[in-house]
């Protein structure tokens, strides 16, 4: 798989993957008391190569330890010599345990993150 060439630990399935070290770096607390967590999502073609053809994943997050929902957004398709990805940010209204869900077509990837 091409993602191995990019280094780091990857989590996902089929045509949708994210870099786990970026998620483990943690959320940033903003001046207004909310949090943002940024990481990259890679969308793959059938041959396992990154592609922008499928568009960015749909993003949502739900709090697991209390009621709450959070917004997710994608930036424009980005690239380096080693990788191509969709930069994303989840904007959390509060600290807590959250489930991020990214969907691309039939593929659905769920990550649980602790925002603090």
PDB file of N, CA and C in Angstrom:
ATOM      1  N   UNK A   1       0.839  -1.185   0.000  1.00  0.00           N
ATOM      2  CA  UNK A   1       0.000   0.000   0.000  1.00  0.00           C
ATOM      3  C   UNK A   1       0.882   1.246   0.000  1.00  0.00           C
ATOM      4  N   UNK A   2       0.492   2.242  -0.725  1.00  0.00           N
ATOM      5  CA  UNK A   2       1.249   3.485  -0.851  1.00  0.00           C
ATOM      6  C   UNK A   2       1.388   4.210   0.483  1.00  0.00           C
ATOM      7  N   UNK A   3       0.414   4.077   1.388  1.00  0.00           N
ATOM      8  CA  UNK A   3       0.477   4.787   2.668  1.00  0.00           C
ATOM      9  C   UNK A   3       1.700   4.382   3.479  1.00  0.00           C
ATOM     10  N   UNK A   4       2.172   3.167   3.338  1.00  0.00           N
ATOM     11  CA  UNK A   4       3.370   2.737   4.067  1.00  0.00           C
ATOM     12  C   UNK A   4       4.570   3.592   3.687  1.00  0.00           C
ATOM     13  N   UNK A   5       4.630   4.021   2.448  1.00  0.00           N
ATOM     14  CA  UNK A   5       5.736   4.853   1.990  1.00  0.00           C
ATOM     15  C   UNK A   5       5.724   6.224   2.657  1.00  0.00           C
ATOM     16  N   UNK A   6       4.564   6.671   3.109  1.00  0.00           N
ATOM     17  CA  UNK A   6       4.442   7.981   3.741  1.00  0.00           C
ATOM     18  C   UNK A   6       4.888   7.960   5.201  1.00  0.00           C
ATOM     19  N   UNK A   7       5.062   6.778   5.783  1.00  0.00           N
ATOM     20  CA  UNK A   7       5.491   6.654   7.165  1.00  0.00           C
ATOM     21  C   UNK A   7       4.340   6.843   8.139  1.00  0.00           C
ATOM     22  N   UNK A   8       4.619   6.617   9.416  1.00  0.00           N
ATOM     23  CA  UNK A   8       3.603   6.797  10.451  1.00  0.00           C
ATOM     24  C   UNK A   8       2.649   5.628  10.526  1.00  0.00           C
ATOM     25  N   UNK A   9       1.751   5.721  11.466  1.00  0.00           N
ATOM     26  CA  UNK A   9       0.725   4.698  11.664  1.00  0.00           C
ATOM     27  C   UNK A   9      -0.568   5.171  11.009  1.00  0.00           C
ATOM     28  N   UNK A  10      -1.228   4.278  10.275  1.00  0.00           N
ATOM     29  CA  UNK A  10      -2.448   4.624   9.554  1.00  0.00           C
ATOM     30  C   UNK A  10      -3.608   3.799  10.070  1.00  0.00           C
ATOM     31  N   UNK A  11      -4.781   4.415  10.087  1.00  0.00           N
ATOM     32  CA  UNK A  11      -5.994   3.750  10.544  1.00  0.00           C
ATOM     33  C   UNK A  11      -7.091   4.003   9.523  1.00  0.00           C
ATOM     34  N   UNK A  12      -7.810   2.966   9.145  1.00  0.00           N
ATOM     35  CA  UNK A  12      -8.906   3.119   8.201  1.00  0.00           C
ATOM     36  C   UNK A  12      -9.249   1.795   7.577  1.00  0.00           C
ATOM     37  N   UNK A  13      -9.929   1.858   6.446  1.00  0.00           N
ATOM     38  CA  UNK A  13     -10.253   0.662   5.692  1.00  0.00           C
ATOM     39  C   UNK A  13     -10.594   1.045   4.266  1.00  0.00           C
ATOM     40  N   UNK A  14     -10.488   0.070   3.396  1.00  0.00           N
ATOM     41  CA  UNK A  14     -10.822   0.225   1.983  1.00  0.00           C
ATOM     42  C   UNK A  14     -10.205   1.495   1.393  1.00  0.00           C
ATOM     43  N   UNK A  15     -11.029   2.483   1.056  1.00  0.00           N
ATOM     44  CA  UNK A  15     -10.541   3.671   0.347  1.00  0.00           C
ATOM     45  C   UNK A  15     -10.444   4.920   1.209  1.00  0.00           C
ATOM     46  N   UNK A  16     -10.441   4.759   2.561  1.00  0.00           N
ATOM     47  CA  UNK A  16     -10.418   5.916   3.461  1.00  0.00           C
ATOM     48  C   UNK A  16      -9.518   5.653   4.662  1.00  0.00           C
ATOM     49  N   UNK A  17      -8.480   6.503   4.834  1.00  0.00           N
ATOM     50  CA  UNK A  17      -7.475   6.306   5.882  1.00  0.00           C
ATOM     51  C   UNK A  17      -7.091   7.635   6.510  1.00  0.00           C
ATOM     52  N   UNK A  18      -6.643   7.589   7.774  1.00  0.00           N
ATOM     53  CA  UNK A  18      -6.127   8.768   8.455  1.00  0.00           C
ATOM     54  C   UNK A  18      -4.837   8.426   9.181  1.00  0.00           C
ATOM     55  N   UNK A  19      -4.038   9.445   9.432  1.00  0.00           N
ATOM     56  CA  UNK A  19      -2.769   9.288  10.132  1.00  0.00           C
ATOM     57  C   UNK A  19      -3.012   9.346  11.636  1.00  0.00           C
ATOM     58  N   UNK A  20      -2.762   8.258  12.321  1.00  0.00           N
ATOM     59  CA  UNK A  20      -3.016   8.189  13.761  1.00  0.00           C
ATOM     60  C   UNK A  20      -2.102   9.103  14.570  1.00  0.00           C
ATOM     61  N   UNK A  21      -0.789   9.244  14.277  1.00  0.00           N
ATOM     62  CA  UNK A  21       0.029  10.163  15.074  1.00  0.00           C
ATOM     63  C   UNK A  21      -0.512  11.593  15.082  1.00  0.00           C
ATOM     64  N   UNK A  22      -1.099  12.039  13.990  1.00  0.00           N
ATOM     65  CA  UNK A  22      -1.658  13.393  13.956  1.00  0.00           C
ATOM     66  C   UNK A  22      -2.805  13.520  14.955  1.00  0.00           C
ATOM     67  N   UNK A  23      -3.623  12.486  15.060  1.00  0.00           N
ATOM     68  CA  UNK A  23      -4.736  12.499  16.002  1.00  0.00           C
ATOM     69  C   UNK A  23      -4.221  12.456  17.434  1.00  0.00           C
ATOM     70  N   UNK A  24      -3.188  11.646  17.678  1.00  0.00           N
ATOM     71  CA  UNK A  24      -2.646  11.511  19.025  1.00  0.00           C
ATOM     72  C   UNK A  24      -1.977  12.789  19.521  1.00  0.00           C
ATOM     73  N   UNK A  25      -1.610  13.692  18.618  1.00  0.00           N
ATOM     74  CA  UNK A  25      -0.991  14.952  19.025  1.00  0.00           C
ATOM     75  C   UNK A  25      -1.950  15.784  19.863  1.00  0.00           C
ATOM     76  N   UNK A  26      -3.238  15.568  19.682  1.00  0.00           N
ATOM     77  CA  UNK A  26      -4.226  16.202  20.536  1.00  0.00           C
ATOM     78  C   UNK A  26      -4.877  17.428  19.943  1.00  0.00           C
ATOM     79  N   UNK A  27      -5.951  17.826  20.612  1.00  0.00           N
ATOM     80  CA  UNK A  27      -6.721  18.989  20.203  1.00  0.00           C
ATOM     81  C   UNK A  27      -6.079  20.260  20.748  1.00  0.00           C
ATOM     82  N   UNK A  28      -6.340  21.349  20.078  1.00  0.00           N
ATOM     83  CA  UNK A  28      -5.847  22.662  20.501  1.00  0.00           C
ATOM     84  C   UNK A  28      -7.017  23.434  21.087  1.00  0.00           C
ATOM     85  N   UNK A  29      -6.827  23.975  22.293  1.00  0.00           N
ATOM     86  CA  UNK A  29      -7.867  24.795  22.904  1.00  0.00           C
ATOM     87  C   UNK A  29      -7.771  26.214  22.364  1.00  0.00           C
ATOM     88  N   UNK A  30      -8.887  26.722  21.872  1.00  0.00           N
ATOM     89  CA  UNK A  30      -8.934  28.062  21.306  1.00  0.00           C
ATOM     90  C   UNK A  30      -9.304  29.085  22.374  1.00  0.00           C
ATOM     91  N   UNK A  31      -9.116  30.369  22.069  1.00  0.00           N
ATOM     92  CA  UNK A  31      -9.384  31.444  23.032  1.00  0.00           C
ATOM     93  C   UNK A  31     -10.828  31.464  23.519  1.00  0.00           C
ATOM     94  N   UNK A  32     -11.770  30.995  22.685  1.00  0.00           N
ATOM     95  CA  UNK A  32     -13.182  31.017  23.084  1.00  0.00           C
ATOM     96  C   UNK A  32     -13.579  29.802  23.911  1.00  0.00           C
ATOM     97  N   UNK A  33     -12.619  28.923  24.257  1.00  0.00           N
ATOM     98  CA  UNK A  33     -12.895  27.760  25.091  1.00  0.00           C
ATOM     99  C   UNK A  33     -13.265  26.507  24.316  1.00  0.00           C
ATOM    100  N   UNK A  34     -13.390  26.604  22.994  1.00  0.00           N
ATOM    101  CA  UNK A  34     -13.652  25.423  22.179  1.00  0.00           C
ATOM    102  C   UNK A  34     -12.326  24.775  21.806  1.00  0.00           C
ATOM    103  N   UNK A  35     -12.410  23.631  21.151  1.00  0.00           N
ATOM    104  CA  UNK A  35     -11.222  22.876  20.774  1.00  0.00           C
ATOM    105  C   UNK A  35     -11.272  22.558  19.287  1.00  0.00           C
ATOM    106  N   UNK A  36     -10.112  22.456  18.670  1.00  0.00           N
ATOM    107  CA  UNK A  36     -10.037  21.996  17.286  1.00  0.00           C
ATOM    108  C   UNK A  36      -8.999  20.889  17.191  1.00  0.00           C
ATOM    109  N   UNK A  37      -9.327  19.877  16.410  1.00  0.00           N
ATOM    110  CA  UNK A  37      -8.428  18.751  16.187  1.00  0.00           C
ATOM    111  C   UNK A  37      -8.276  18.572  14.682  1.00  0.00           C
ATOM    112  N   UNK A  38      -7.046  18.725  14.208  1.00  0.00           N
ATOM    113  CA  UNK A  38      -6.777  18.643  12.775  1.00  0.00           C
ATOM    114  C   UNK A  38      -6.034  17.348  12.457  1.00  0.00           C
ATOM    115  N   UNK A  39      -6.430  16.742  11.358  1.00  0.00           N
ATOM    116  CA  UNK A  39      -5.677  15.619  10.833  1.00  0.00           C
ATOM    117  C   UNK A  39      -6.015  15.393   9.371  1.00  0.00           C
ATOM    118  N   UNK A  40      -5.245  14.533   8.733  1.00  0.00           N
ATOM    119  CA  UNK A  40      -5.371  14.292   7.297  1.00  0.00           C
ATOM    120  C   UNK A  40      -6.164  13.024   7.033  1.00  0.00           C
ATOM    121  N   UNK A  41      -7.014  13.082   6.006  1.00  0.00           N
ATOM    122  CA  UNK A  41      -7.715  11.892   5.514  1.00  0.00           C
ATOM    123  C   UNK A  41      -7.251  11.643   4.092  1.00  0.00           C
ATOM    124  N   UNK A  42      -6.890  10.405   3.803  1.00  0.00           N
ATOM    125  CA  UNK A  42      -6.435  10.003   2.477  1.00  0.00           C
ATOM    126  C   UNK A  42      -7.532   9.173   1.823  1.00  0.00           C
ATOM    127  N   UNK A  43      -7.882   9.543   0.595  1.00  0.00           N
ATOM    128  CA  UNK A  43      -8.858   8.783  -0.182  1.00  0.00           C
ATOM    129  C   UNK A  43      -8.109   8.048  -1.289  1.00  0.00           C
ATOM    130  N   UNK A  44      -8.413   6.767  -1.448  1.00  0.00           N
ATOM    131  CA  UNK A  44      -7.661   5.917  -2.362  1.00  0.00           C
ATOM    132  C   UNK A  44      -8.511   5.432  -3.533  1.00  0.00           C
ATOM    133  N   UNK A  45      -7.848   5.250  -4.673  1.00  0.00           N
ATOM    134  CA  UNK A  45      -8.458   4.590  -5.832  1.00  0.00           C
ATOM    135  C   UNK A  45      -8.379   3.082  -5.630  1.00  0.00           C
ATOM    136  N   UNK A  46      -8.941   2.334  -6.549  1.00  0.00           N
ATOM    137  CA  UNK A  46      -8.919   0.864  -6.476  1.00  0.00           C
ATOM    138  C   UNK A  46      -7.506   0.298  -6.435  1.00  0.00           C
ATOM    139  N   UNK A  47      -6.552   0.998  -7.053  1.00  0.00           N
ATOM    140  CA  UNK A  47      -5.173   0.512  -7.080  1.00  0.00           C
ATOM    141  C   UNK A  47      -4.389   0.881  -5.822  1.00  0.00           C
ATOM    142  N   UNK A  48      -5.043   1.526  -4.850  1.00  0.00           N
ATOM    143  CA  UNK A  48      -4.382   1.888  -3.597  1.00  0.00           C
ATOM    144  C   UNK A  48      -3.630   3.194  -3.636  1.00  0.00           C
ATOM    145  N   UNK A  49      -3.766   3.957  -4.699  1.00  0.00           N
ATOM    146  CA  UNK A  49      -3.086   5.242  -4.822  1.00  0.00           C
ATOM    147  C   UNK A  49      -4.012   6.380  -4.387  1.00  0.00           C
ATOM    148  N   UNK A  50      -3.467   7.389  -3.701  1.00  0.00           N
ATOM    149  CA  UNK A  50      -4.283   8.535  -3.294  1.00  0.00           C
ATOM    150  C   UNK A  50      -4.939   9.229  -4.487  1.00  0.00           C
ATOM    151  N   UNK A  51      -6.176   9.682  -4.290  1.00  0.00           N
ATOM    152  CA  UNK A  51      -6.913  10.365  -5.342  1.00  0.00           C
ATOM    153  C   UNK A  51      -7.829  11.429  -4.762  1.00  0.00           C
ATOM    154  N   UNK A  52      -8.038  12.480  -5.524  1.00  0.00           N
ATOM    155  CA  UNK A  52      -9.018  13.510  -5.150  1.00  0.00           C
ATOM    156  C   UNK A  52     -10.339  13.287  -5.873  1.00  0.00           C
ATOM    157  N   UNK A  53     -10.368  12.335  -6.787  1.00  0.00           N
ATOM    158  CA  UNK A  53     -11.522  12.091  -7.652  1.00  0.00           C
ATOM    159  C   UNK A  53     -12.810  11.838  -6.870  1.00  0.00           C
ATOM    160  N   UNK A  54     -12.724  11.221  -5.709  1.00  0.00           N
ATOM    161  CA  UNK A  54     -13.911  10.878  -4.922  1.00  0.00           C
ATOM    162  C   UNK A  54     -14.385  12.017  -4.031  1.00  0.00           C
ATOM    163  N   UNK A  55     -13.624  13.094  -3.976  1.00  0.00           N
ATOM    164  CA  UNK A  55     -13.961  14.215  -3.102  1.00  0.00           C
ATOM    165  C   UNK A  55     -13.577  13.926  -1.659  1.00  0.00           C
ATOM    166  N   UNK A  56     -13.781  14.914  -0.780  1.00  0.00           N
ATOM    167  CA  UNK A  56     -13.417  14.728   0.630  1.00  0.00           C
ATOM    168  C   UNK A  56     -14.437  13.857   1.353  1.00  0.00           C
ATOM    169  N   UNK A  57     -14.042  13.254   2.461  1.00  0.00           N
ATOM    170  CA  UNK A  57     -14.998  12.476   3.242  1.00  0.00           C
ATOM    171  C   UNK A  57     -16.001  13.401   3.944  1.00  0.00           C
ATOM    172  N   UNK A  58     -17.199  12.889   4.179  1.00  0.00           N
ATOM    173  CA  UNK A  58     -18.180  13.590   5.021  1.00  0.00           C
ATOM    174  C   UNK A  58     -17.763  13.351   6.469  1.00  0.00           C
ATOM    175  N   UNK A  59     -17.852  14.384   7.300  1.00  0.00           N
ATOM    176  CA  UNK A  59     -17.358  14.312   8.675  1.00  0.00           C
ATOM    177  C   UNK A  59     -18.449  14.645   9.682  1.00  0.00           C
ATOM    178  N   UNK A  60     -18.469  13.896  10.785  1.00  0.00           N
ATOM    179  CA  UNK A  60     -19.354  14.213  11.896  1.00  0.00           C
ATOM    180  C   UNK A  60     -18.714  13.682  13.175  1.00  0.00           C
ATOM    181  N   UNK A  61     -19.116  14.235  14.298  1.00  0.00           N
ATOM    182  CA  UNK A  61     -18.615  13.757  15.583  1.00  0.00           C
ATOM    183  C   UNK A  61     -19.726  13.846  16.620  1.00  0.00           C
ATOM    184  N   UNK A  62     -19.792  12.834  17.474  1.00  0.00           N
ATOM    185  CA  UNK A  62     -20.769  12.803  18.559  1.00  0.00           C
ATOM    186  C   UNK A  62     -20.038  12.525  19.854  1.00  0.00           C
ATOM    187  N   UNK A  63     -20.469  13.213  20.899  1.00  0.00           N
ATOM    188  CA  UNK A  63     -19.853  13.001  22.201  1.00  0.00           C
ATOM    189  C   UNK A  63     -20.364  11.695  22.793  1.00  0.00           C
ATOM    190  N   UNK A  64     -19.466  10.932  23.402  1.00  0.00           N
ATOM    191  CA  UNK A  64     -19.818   9.631  23.955  1.00  0.00           C
ATOM    192  C   UNK A  64     -20.099   9.664  25.450  1.00  0.00           C
ATOM    193  N   UNK A  65     -19.523  10.626  26.177  1.00  0.00           N
ATOM    194  CA  UNK A  65     -19.658  10.658  27.627  1.00  0.00           C
ATOM    195  C   UNK A  65     -20.683  11.681  28.118  1.00  0.00           C
ATOM    196  N   UNK A  66     -21.358  12.340  27.215  1.00  0.00           N
ATOM    197  CA  UNK A  66     -22.392  13.336  27.528  1.00  0.00           C
ATOM    198  C   UNK A  66     -23.066  13.697  26.207  1.00  0.00           C
ATOM    199  N   UNK A  67     -24.198  14.386  26.250  1.00  0.00           N
ATOM    200  CA  UNK A  67     -24.808  14.815  24.986  1.00  0.00           C
ATOM    201  C   UNK A  67     -23.913  15.824  24.263  1.00  0.00           C
ATOM    202  N   UNK A  68     -23.893  15.766  22.948  1.00  0.00           N
ATOM    203  CA  UNK A  68     -23.134  16.749  22.181  1.00  0.00           C
ATOM    204  C   UNK A  68     -22.793  16.278  20.792  1.00  0.00           C
ATOM    205  N   UNK A  69     -22.677  17.235  19.890  1.00  0.00           N
ATOM    206  CA  UNK A  69     -22.259  16.994  18.518  1.00  0.00           C
ATOM    207  C   UNK A  69     -21.223  18.046  18.147  1.00  0.00           C
ATOM    208  N   UNK A  70     -20.407  17.726  17.146  1.00  0.00           N
ATOM    209  CA  UNK A  70     -19.373  18.655  16.699  1.00  0.00           C
ATOM    210  C   UNK A  70     -19.333  18.672  15.181  1.00  0.00           C
ATOM    211  N   UNK A  71     -18.880  19.800  14.660  1.00  0.00           N
ATOM    212  CA  UNK A  71     -18.741  19.965  13.216  1.00  0.00           C
ATOM    213  C   UNK A  71     -17.372  19.504  12.751  1.00  0.00           C
ATOM    214  N   UNK A  72     -17.338  18.995  11.537  1.00  0.00           N
ATOM    215  CA  UNK A  72     -16.088  18.674  10.883  1.00  0.00           C
ATOM    216  C   UNK A  72     -16.063  19.334   9.517  1.00  0.00           C
ATOM    217  N   UNK A  73     -14.882  19.764   9.073  1.00  0.00           N
ATOM    218  CA  UNK A  73     -14.769  20.399   7.758  1.00  0.00           C
ATOM    219  C   UNK A  73     -13.476  19.961   7.082  1.00  0.00           C
ATOM    220  N   UNK A  74     -13.502  20.001   5.753  1.00  0.00           N
ATOM    221  CA  UNK A  74     -12.326  19.634   4.951  1.00  0.00           C
ATOM    222  C   UNK A  74     -11.822  20.841   4.197  1.00  0.00           C
ATOM    223  N   UNK A  75     -10.503  20.916   4.061  1.00  0.00           N
ATOM    224  CA  UNK A  75      -9.894  21.938   3.222  1.00  0.00           C
ATOM    225  C   UNK A  75      -9.684  21.388   1.824  1.00  0.00           C
ATOM    226  N   UNK A  76      -9.002  22.127   0.997  1.00  0.00           N
ATOM    227  CA  UNK A  76      -8.697  21.685  -0.356  1.00  0.00           C
ATOM    228  C   UNK A  76      -7.692  20.555  -0.368  1.00  0.00           C
ATOM    229  N   UNK A  77      -7.693  19.777  -1.416  1.00  0.00           N
ATOM    230  CA  UNK A  77      -6.798  18.642  -1.563  1.00  0.00           C
ATOM    231  C   UNK A  77      -5.348  19.128  -1.502  1.00  0.00           C
ATOM    232  N   UNK A  78      -4.539  18.509  -0.671  1.00  0.00           N
ATOM    233  CA  UNK A  78      -3.166  18.950  -0.438  1.00  0.00           C
ATOM    234  C   UNK A  78      -2.188  17.834  -0.815  1.00  0.00           C
ATOM    235  N   UNK A  79      -0.912  18.210  -1.021  1.00  0.00           N
ATOM    236  CA  UNK A  79       0.064  17.188  -1.365  1.00  0.00           C
ATOM    237  C   UNK A  79       1.484  17.600  -1.000  1.00  0.00           C
ATOM    238  N   UNK A  80       2.312  16.572  -0.815  1.00  0.00           N
ATOM    239  CA  UNK A  80       3.760  16.718  -0.705  1.00  0.00           C
ATOM    240  C   UNK A  80       4.352  15.727  -1.700  1.00  0.00           C
ATOM    241  N   UNK A  81       5.660  15.583  -1.700  1.00  0.00           N
ATOM    242  CA  UNK A  81       6.276  14.585  -2.580  1.00  0.00           C
ATOM    243  C   UNK A  81       5.867  13.168  -2.189  1.00  0.00           C
ATOM    244  N   UNK A  82       5.526  12.950  -0.907  1.00  0.00           N
ATOM    245  CA  UNK A  82       5.236  11.610  -0.407  1.00  0.00           C
ATOM    246  C   UNK A  82       3.756  11.271  -0.323  1.00  0.00           C
ATOM    247  N   UNK A  83       2.869  12.261  -0.228  1.00  0.00           N
ATOM    248  CA  UNK A  83       1.478  11.942   0.063  1.00  0.00           C
ATOM    249  C   UNK A  83       0.529  13.018  -0.447  1.00  0.00           C
ATOM    250  N   UNK A  84      -0.724  12.614  -0.704  1.00  0.00           N
ATOM    251  CA  UNK A  84      -1.811  13.527  -1.063  1.00  0.00           C
ATOM    252  C   UNK A  84      -2.961  13.250  -0.113  1.00  0.00           C
ATOM    253  N   UNK A  85      -3.618  14.313   0.399  1.00  0.00           N
ATOM    254  CA  UNK A  85      -4.621  14.126   1.435  1.00  0.00           C
ATOM    255  C   UNK A  85      -5.612  15.281   1.478  1.00  0.00           C
ATOM    256  N   UNK A  86      -6.674  15.068   2.274  1.00  0.00           N
ATOM    257  CA  UNK A  86      -7.662  16.107   2.591  1.00  0.00           C
ATOM    258  C   UNK A  86      -7.387  16.587   4.012  1.00  0.00           C
ATOM    259  N   UNK A  87      -6.945  17.834   4.209  1.00  0.00           N
ATOM    260  CA  UNK A  87      -6.788  18.344   5.573  1.00  0.00           C
ATOM    261  C   UNK A  87      -8.178  18.564   6.168  1.00  0.00           C
ATOM    262  N   UNK A  88      -8.358  18.119   7.395  1.00  0.00           N
ATOM    263  CA  UNK A  88      -9.662  18.270   8.046  1.00  0.00           C
ATOM    264  C   UNK A  88      -9.493  18.841   9.444  1.00  0.00           C
ATOM    265  N   UNK A  89     -10.581  19.394   9.944  1.00  0.00           N
ATOM    266  CA  UNK A  89     -10.610  19.897  11.323  1.00  0.00           C
ATOM    267  C   UNK A  89     -11.960  19.571  11.925  1.00  0.00           C
ATOM    268  N   UNK A  90     -11.941  19.047  13.131  1.00  0.00           N
ATOM    269  CA  UNK A  90     -13.156  18.875  13.921  1.00  0.00           C
ATOM    270  C   UNK A  90     -13.158  19.981  14.953  1.00  0.00           C
ATOM    271  N   UNK A  91     -14.283  20.647  15.100  1.00  0.00           N
ATOM    272  CA  UNK A  91     -14.418  21.760  16.041  1.00  0.00           C
ATOM    273  C   UNK A  91     -15.333  21.343  17.171  1.00  0.00           C
ATOM    274  N   UNK A  92     -14.733  21.100  18.327  1.00  0.00           N
ATOM    275  CA  UNK A  92     -15.461  20.588  19.487  1.00  0.00           C
ATOM    276  C   UNK A  92     -15.873  21.717  20.416  1.00  0.00           C
ATOM    277  N   UNK A  93     -17.132  21.739  20.857  1.00  0.00           N
ATOM    278  CA  UNK A  93     -17.582  22.784  21.769  1.00  0.00           C
ATOM    279  C   UNK A  93     -17.050  22.610  23.192  1.00  0.00           C
ATOM    280  N   UNK A  94     -16.609  21.385  23.529  1.00  0.00           N
ATOM    281  CA  UNK A  94     -16.139  21.131  24.889  1.00  0.00           C
ATOM    282  C   UNK A  94     -15.208  19.926  24.911  1.00  0.00           C
ATOM    283  N   UNK A  95     -14.479  19.804  26.007  1.00  0.00           N
ATOM    284  CA  UNK A  95     -13.625  18.641  26.216  1.00  0.00           C
ATOM    285  C   UNK A  95     -14.510  17.425  26.464  1.00  0.00           C
ATOM    286  N   UNK A  96     -13.962  16.239  26.261  1.00  0.00           N
ATOM    287  CA  UNK A  96     -14.706  15.011  26.512  1.00  0.00           C
ATOM    288  C   UNK A  96     -14.276  13.903  25.580  1.00  0.00           C
ATOM    289  N   UNK A  97     -15.007  12.815  25.615  1.00  0.00           N
ATOM    290  CA  UNK A  97     -14.761  11.661  24.769  1.00  0.00           C
ATOM    291  C   UNK A  97     -15.684  11.760  23.543  1.00  0.00           C
ATOM    292  N   UNK A  98     -15.092  11.754  22.367  1.00  0.00           N
ATOM    293  CA  UNK A  98     -15.825  11.978  21.126  1.00  0.00           C
ATOM    294  C   UNK A  98     -15.565  10.857  20.127  1.00  0.00           C
ATOM    295  N   UNK A  99     -16.577  10.535  19.329  1.00  0.00           N
ATOM    296  CA  UNK A  99     -16.436   9.600  18.211  1.00  0.00           C
ATOM    297  C   UNK A  99     -16.483  10.404  16.920  1.00  0.00           C
ATOM    298  N   UNK A 100     -15.370  10.422  16.197  1.00  0.00           N
ATOM    299  CA  UNK A 100     -15.327  11.043  14.873  1.00  0.00           C
ATOM    300  C   UNK A 100     -15.704   9.986  13.848  1.00  0.00           C
ATOM    301  N   UNK A 101     -16.532  10.360  12.902  1.00  0.00           N
ATOM    302  CA  UNK A 101     -16.912   9.444  11.829  1.00  0.00           C
ATOM    303  C   UNK A 101     -16.653  10.140  10.495  1.00  0.00           C
ATOM    304  N   UNK A 102     -15.892   9.471   9.644  1.00  0.00           N
ATOM    305  CA  UNK A 102     -15.640   9.953   8.287  1.00  0.00           C
ATOM    306  C   UNK A 102     -16.264   8.938   7.328  1.00  0.00           C
ATOM    307  N   UNK A 103     -17.006   9.449   6.348  1.00  0.00           N
ATOM    308  CA  UNK A 103     -17.680   8.580   5.390  1.00  0.00           C
ATOM    309  C   UNK A 103     -17.296   8.971   3.974  1.00  0.00           C
ATOM    310  N   UNK A 104     -16.971   7.968   3.179  1.00  0.00           N
ATOM    311  CA  UNK A 104     -16.654   8.161   1.766  1.00  0.00           C
ATOM    312  C   UNK A 104     -17.373   7.053   1.002  1.00  0.00           C
ATOM    313  N   UNK A 105     -18.458   7.411   0.331  1.00  0.00           N
ATOM    314  CA  UNK A 105     -19.255   6.394  -0.347  1.00  0.00           C
ATOM    315  C   UNK A 105     -19.783   5.392   0.659  1.00  0.00           C
ATOM    316  N   UNK A 106     -19.451   4.124   0.468  1.00  0.00           N
ATOM    317  CA  UNK A 106     -19.893   3.051   1.369  1.00  0.00           C
ATOM    318  C   UNK A 106     -18.937   2.843   2.550  1.00  0.00           C
ATOM    319  N   UNK A 107     -17.771   3.479   2.507  1.00  0.00           N
ATOM    320  CA  UNK A 107     -16.765   3.287   3.562  1.00  0.00           C
ATOM    321  C   UNK A 107     -17.016   4.255   4.708  1.00  0.00           C
ATOM    322  N   UNK A 108     -17.002   3.702   5.918  1.00  0.00           N
ATOM    323  CA  UNK A 108     -17.228   4.502   7.120  1.00  0.00           C
ATOM    324  C   UNK A 108     -16.137   4.148   8.133  1.00  0.00           C
ATOM    325  N   UNK A 109     -15.378   5.165   8.559  1.00  0.00           N
ATOM    326  CA  UNK A 109     -14.289   4.956   9.513  1.00  0.00           C
ATOM    327  C   UNK A 109     -14.606   5.757  10.765  1.00  0.00           C
ATOM    328  N   UNK A 110     -14.518   5.084  11.925  1.00  0.00           N
ATOM    329  CA  UNK A 110     -14.850   5.710  13.214  1.00  0.00           C
ATOM    330  C   UNK A 110     -13.607   5.710  14.101  1.00  0.00           C
ATOM    331  N   UNK A 111     -13.297   6.892  14.652  1.00  0.00           N
ATOM    332  CA  UNK A 111     -12.194   7.058  15.602  1.00  0.00           C
ATOM    333  C   UNK A 111     -12.770   7.590  16.907  1.00  0.00           C
ATOM    334  N   UNK A 112     -12.302   7.082  18.022  1.00  0.00           N
ATOM    335  CA  UNK A 112     -12.679   7.650  19.318  1.00  0.00           C
ATOM    336  C   UNK A 112     -11.494   8.438  19.833  1.00  0.00           C
ATOM    337  N   UNK A 113     -11.745   9.718  20.178  1.00  0.00           N
ATOM    338  CA  UNK A 113     -10.684  10.595  20.645  1.00  0.00           C
ATOM    339  C   UNK A 113     -11.075  11.232  21.965  1.00  0.00           C
ATOM    340  N   UNK A 114     -10.078  11.454  22.806  1.00  0.00           N
ATOM    341  CA  UNK A 114     -10.276  12.180  24.053  1.00  0.00           C
ATOM    342  C   UNK A 114      -9.822  13.618  23.817  1.00  0.00           C
ATOM    343  N   UNK A 115     -10.731  14.543  23.923  1.00  0.00           N
ATOM    344  CA  UNK A 115     -10.427  15.949  23.729  1.00  0.00           C
ATOM    345  C   UNK A 115     -10.240  16.577  25.099  1.00  0.00           C
ATOM    346  N   UNK A 116      -9.049  17.134  25.345  1.00  0.00           N
ATOM    347  CA  UNK A 116      -8.775  17.756  26.648  1.00  0.00           C
ATOM    348  C   UNK A 116      -7.769  18.867  26.503  1.00  0.00           C
TER     349      UNK A 116
END
